[in-house]
């Protein structure tokens, strides 16, 4: 039975799941969903109604990090999992928690009229962008001297952040972060998982 991934092309959570699956060489049927008309087959196995959702036989995974971990446990040719798990957890908790909240505030200022955009940017820099710059300048990647699953898991959110105000992002004094981001964006892996698929219709 084919492995199915319900996905939405621009969702950062779905992006990191697709990248891990592609890297691991796992054949997957991508079912691109419409957020306004979610397929009944997805809602039956995952009533929460968010992507990504992976279905492999009787296995259903509803969280992007679980999908990444499952894929890498099948095949990890470049050792993406071979990093300090505690450091990995620290980065992921920071990204998926407070930084994601700041990203939403930065991207949708009209939803947060009580917040000053400049203050939101300063908070994002202090929490995430400056620590990333420091690590990338020292090591080349977020954890150590080679690419890991943590780089892949965090990259889509930094990409999204950079796209809110590209001119403002380009003006930030973070050359190592910009290099790292450009390398991920221009990678064959990312380009391959961003191919457009027609919306899945049942």
Protein backbone atom coordinates (compact mmCIF):
# COMPACT_ATOMS: atom_id res chain seq x y z
CA UNK A 1 0.00 0.00 0.00
CA UNK A 2 1.33 3.44 -0.95
CA UNK A 3 2.53 5.84 1.72
CA UNK A 4 0.30 8.92 1.56
CA UNK A 5 1.13 12.41 2.77
CA UNK A 6 -1.64 14.95 3.06
CA UNK A 7 0.14 18.23 2.57
CA UNK A 8 -0.18 21.92 1.82
CA UNK A 9 2.65 23.26 -0.31
CA UNK A 10 3.31 26.49 1.60
CA UNK A 11 2.89 25.13 5.14
CA UNK A 12 6.26 25.12 6.95
CA UNK A 13 5.31 22.03 8.96
CA UNK A 14 4.47 20.17 5.75
CA UNK A 15 7.67 21.42 4.11
CA UNK A 16 9.90 19.86 6.74
CA UNK A 17 8.00 16.59 6.58
CA UNK A 18 8.30 16.47 2.79
CA UNK A 19 12.03 17.25 2.96
CA UNK A 20 12.70 14.42 5.41
CA UNK A 21 10.68 11.93 3.35
CA UNK A 22 12.44 12.94 0.14
CA UNK A 23 15.88 12.79 1.75
CA UNK A 24 15.13 9.33 3.12
CA UNK A 25 14.11 8.10 -0.32
CA UNK A 26 10.65 7.01 0.79
CA UNK A 27 8.16 6.95 -2.11
CA UNK A 28 5.17 9.05 -1.12
CA UNK A 29 1.91 9.98 -2.78
CA UNK A 30 1.47 13.69 -2.11
CA UNK A 31 -2.14 14.72 -1.65
CA UNK A 32 -2.24 18.51 -1.83
CA UNK A 33 -5.26 19.68 0.14
CA UNK A 34 -7.46 22.74 -0.04
CA UNK A 35 -7.64 24.41 3.35
CA UNK A 36 -11.23 25.41 2.62
CA UNK A 37 -12.34 21.96 1.53
CA UNK A 38 -10.32 19.34 3.38
CA UNK A 39 -10.68 15.79 2.06
CA UNK A 40 -12.93 13.46 4.02
CA UNK A 41 -10.31 10.70 3.84
CA UNK A 42 -7.87 12.90 5.76
CA UNK A 43 -10.43 13.97 8.33
CA UNK A 44 -11.39 10.34 8.97
CA UNK A 45 -7.86 9.44 10.02
CA UNK A 46 -6.98 12.83 11.50
CA UNK A 47 -9.99 14.79 12.76
CA UNK A 48 -7.80 17.72 13.86
CA UNK A 49 -7.74 18.71 10.21
CA UNK A 50 -4.22 20.11 9.96
CA UNK A 51 -1.33 19.05 7.76
CA UNK A 52 0.91 17.21 7.41
CA UNK A 53 -0.68 13.81 7.96
CA UNK A 54 1.13 10.65 6.93
CA UNK A 55 -0.64 7.36 6.33
CA UNK A 56 1.45 4.23 5.80
CA UNK A 57 -0.75 1.16 6.06
CA UNK A 58 -2.12 1.12 9.60
CA UNK A 59 0.32 3.81 10.73
CA UNK A 60 -0.99 7.38 10.95
CA UNK A 61 1.32 10.23 11.98
CA UNK A 62 -0.23 13.64 12.57
CA UNK A 63 2.79 15.70 13.65
CA UNK A 64 5.56 16.90 11.35
CA UNK A 65 8.36 16.01 13.77
CA UNK A 66 6.99 12.48 14.14
CA UNK A 67 6.94 12.15 10.34
CA UNK A 68 10.53 13.40 10.13
CA UNK A 69 11.66 10.97 12.82
CA UNK A 70 9.85 8.04 11.19
CA UNK A 71 11.41 8.81 7.81
CA UNK A 72 14.92 9.17 9.19
CA UNK A 73 14.61 5.94 11.13
CA UNK A 74 13.95 4.21 7.79
CA UNK A 75 16.96 5.78 6.09
CA UNK A 76 19.45 8.46 7.18
CA UNK A 77 22.30 8.33 4.64
CA UNK A 78 24.06 11.50 5.82
CA UNK A 79 23.54 11.04 9.55
CA UNK A 80 21.02 13.81 10.16
CA UNK A 81 20.05 12.14 13.45
CA UNK A 82 23.65 11.96 14.72
CA UNK A 83 23.52 15.08 16.89
CA UNK A 84 23.14 15.94 20.57
CA UNK A 85 19.45 15.23 21.31
CA UNK A 86 19.32 17.78 24.13
CA UNK A 87 20.59 20.60 21.91
CA UNK A 88 18.18 19.50 19.21
CA UNK A 89 15.27 19.63 21.64
CA UNK A 90 16.26 23.12 22.82
CA UNK A 91 16.27 24.49 19.27
CA UNK A 92 12.99 22.81 18.32
CA UNK A 93 11.14 23.91 21.46
CA UNK A 94 12.27 27.50 20.89
CA UNK A 95 11.31 27.45 17.21
CA UNK A 96 7.97 25.67 17.46
CA UNK A 97 6.93 27.56 20.58
CA UNK A 98 7.81 31.21 21.19
CA UNK A 99 9.39 31.89 17.79
CA UNK A 100 6.36 30.57 15.89
CA UNK A 101 4.22 32.93 17.97
CA UNK A 102 6.49 35.87 17.11
CA UNK A 103 6.45 34.83 13.45
CA UNK A 104 2.66 35.02 13.39
CA UNK A 105 2.75 38.42 15.10
CA UNK A 106 5.32 39.66 12.60
CA UNK A 107 3.49 38.25 9.57
CA UNK A 108 -0.01 39.36 10.59
CA UNK A 109 0.36 42.73 12.38
CA UNK A 110 -3.32 43.57 11.77
CA UNK A 111 -4.28 40.68 14.03
CA UNK A 112 -2.16 42.12 16.83
CA UNK A 113 -2.83 45.87 16.81
CA UNK A 114 -1.66 46.16 20.41
CA UNK A 115 1.88 45.12 19.43
CA UNK A 116 4.56 47.33 17.90
CA UNK A 117 6.07 45.62 14.85
CA UNK A 118 9.54 46.93 15.75
CA UNK A 119 9.27 45.34 19.18
CA UNK A 120 8.14 42.04 17.66
CA UNK A 121 11.17 42.09 15.35
CA UNK A 122 13.52 42.88 18.24
CA UNK A 123 12.05 39.96 20.21
CA UNK A 124 12.50 37.59 17.26
CA UNK A 125 16.10 38.71 16.84
CA UNK A 126 16.91 38.21 20.52
CA UNK A 127 15.12 34.87 20.78
CA UNK A 128 16.09 33.19 17.52
CA UNK A 129 17.89 35.11 14.80
CA UNK A 130 20.91 36.27 16.84
CA UNK A 131 21.48 32.85 18.48
CA UNK A 132 21.22 31.24 15.05
CA UNK A 133 23.74 33.70 13.61
CA UNK A 134 26.14 32.95 16.48
CA UNK A 135 25.87 29.20 16.01
CA UNK A 136 26.07 29.32 12.22
CA UNK A 137 29.08 31.65 12.30
CA UNK A 138 30.90 29.31 14.68
CA UNK A 139 29.89 25.89 13.34
CA UNK A 140 28.39 26.34 9.88
CA UNK A 141 25.13 24.67 10.92
CA UNK A 142 22.83 24.89 13.93
CA UNK A 143 24.39 21.92 15.67
CA UNK A 144 27.95 21.13 14.68
CA UNK A 145 29.74 21.22 11.36
CA UNK A 146 27.23 19.34 9.19
CA UNK A 147 23.60 19.54 8.20
CA UNK A 148 21.16 17.87 10.57
CA UNK A 149 17.44 17.32 10.89
CA UNK A 150 17.24 20.41 13.13
CA UNK A 151 18.43 22.67 10.30
CA UNK A 152 15.74 21.17 8.07
CA UNK A 153 13.02 21.43 10.73
CA UNK A 154 13.69 25.12 11.45
CA UNK A 155 14.53 26.33 7.95
CA UNK A 156 10.92 26.68 6.63
CA UNK A 157 10.02 29.02 9.49
CA UNK A 158 13.07 31.24 8.93
CA UNK A 159 12.24 31.29 5.22
CA UNK A 160 8.72 32.41 6.03
CA UNK A 161 10.03 35.07 8.40
CA UNK A 162 12.42 36.41 5.75
CA UNK A 163 9.59 36.70 3.21
CA UNK A 164 7.39 38.96 5.35
CA UNK A 165 9.59 41.99 4.66
CA UNK A 166 12.51 40.92 2.43
CA UNK A 167 14.12 44.36 2.41
CA UNK A 168 14.06 44.56 6.18
CA UNK A 169 15.45 41.04 6.53
CA UNK A 170 18.23 41.78 4.05
CA UNK A 171 19.21 44.76 6.17
CA UNK A 172 19.76 42.67 9.29
CA UNK A 173 23.42 42.11 10.26
CA UNK A 174 23.29 38.31 9.99
CA UNK A 175 25.49 37.15 7.08
CA UNK A 176 25.84 33.58 8.31
CA UNK A 177 22.09 33.21 8.72
CA UNK A 178 21.46 34.60 5.23
CA UNK A 179 24.05 32.24 3.73
CA UNK A 180 22.50 29.25 5.50
CA UNK A 181 19.02 30.29 4.40
CA UNK A 182 20.08 30.78 0.77
CA UNK A 183 21.78 27.37 0.74
CA UNK A 184 18.64 25.68 1.99
CA UNK A 185 16.37 27.54 -0.45
CA UNK A 186 18.61 26.77 -3.42
CA UNK A 187 19.18 23.14 -2.47
CA UNK A 188 17.99 20.44 -4.85
CA UNK A 189 16.16 18.85 -1.93
CA UNK A 190 14.03 21.90 -1.20
CA UNK A 191 13.39 22.65 -4.85
CA UNK A 192 12.19 19.09 -5.39
CA UNK A 193 9.64 19.18 -2.56
CA UNK A 194 8.23 22.52 -3.72
CA UNK A 195 6.99 21.18 -7.04
CA UNK A 196 3.32 22.00 -7.47
CA UNK A 197 0.72 19.26 -7.23
CA UNK A 198 -2.92 19.58 -8.26
CA UNK A 199 -5.36 19.79 -5.39
CA UNK A 200 -6.43 16.31 -4.34
CA UNK A 201 -10.06 15.62 -5.22
CA UNK A 202 -11.84 12.52 -3.98
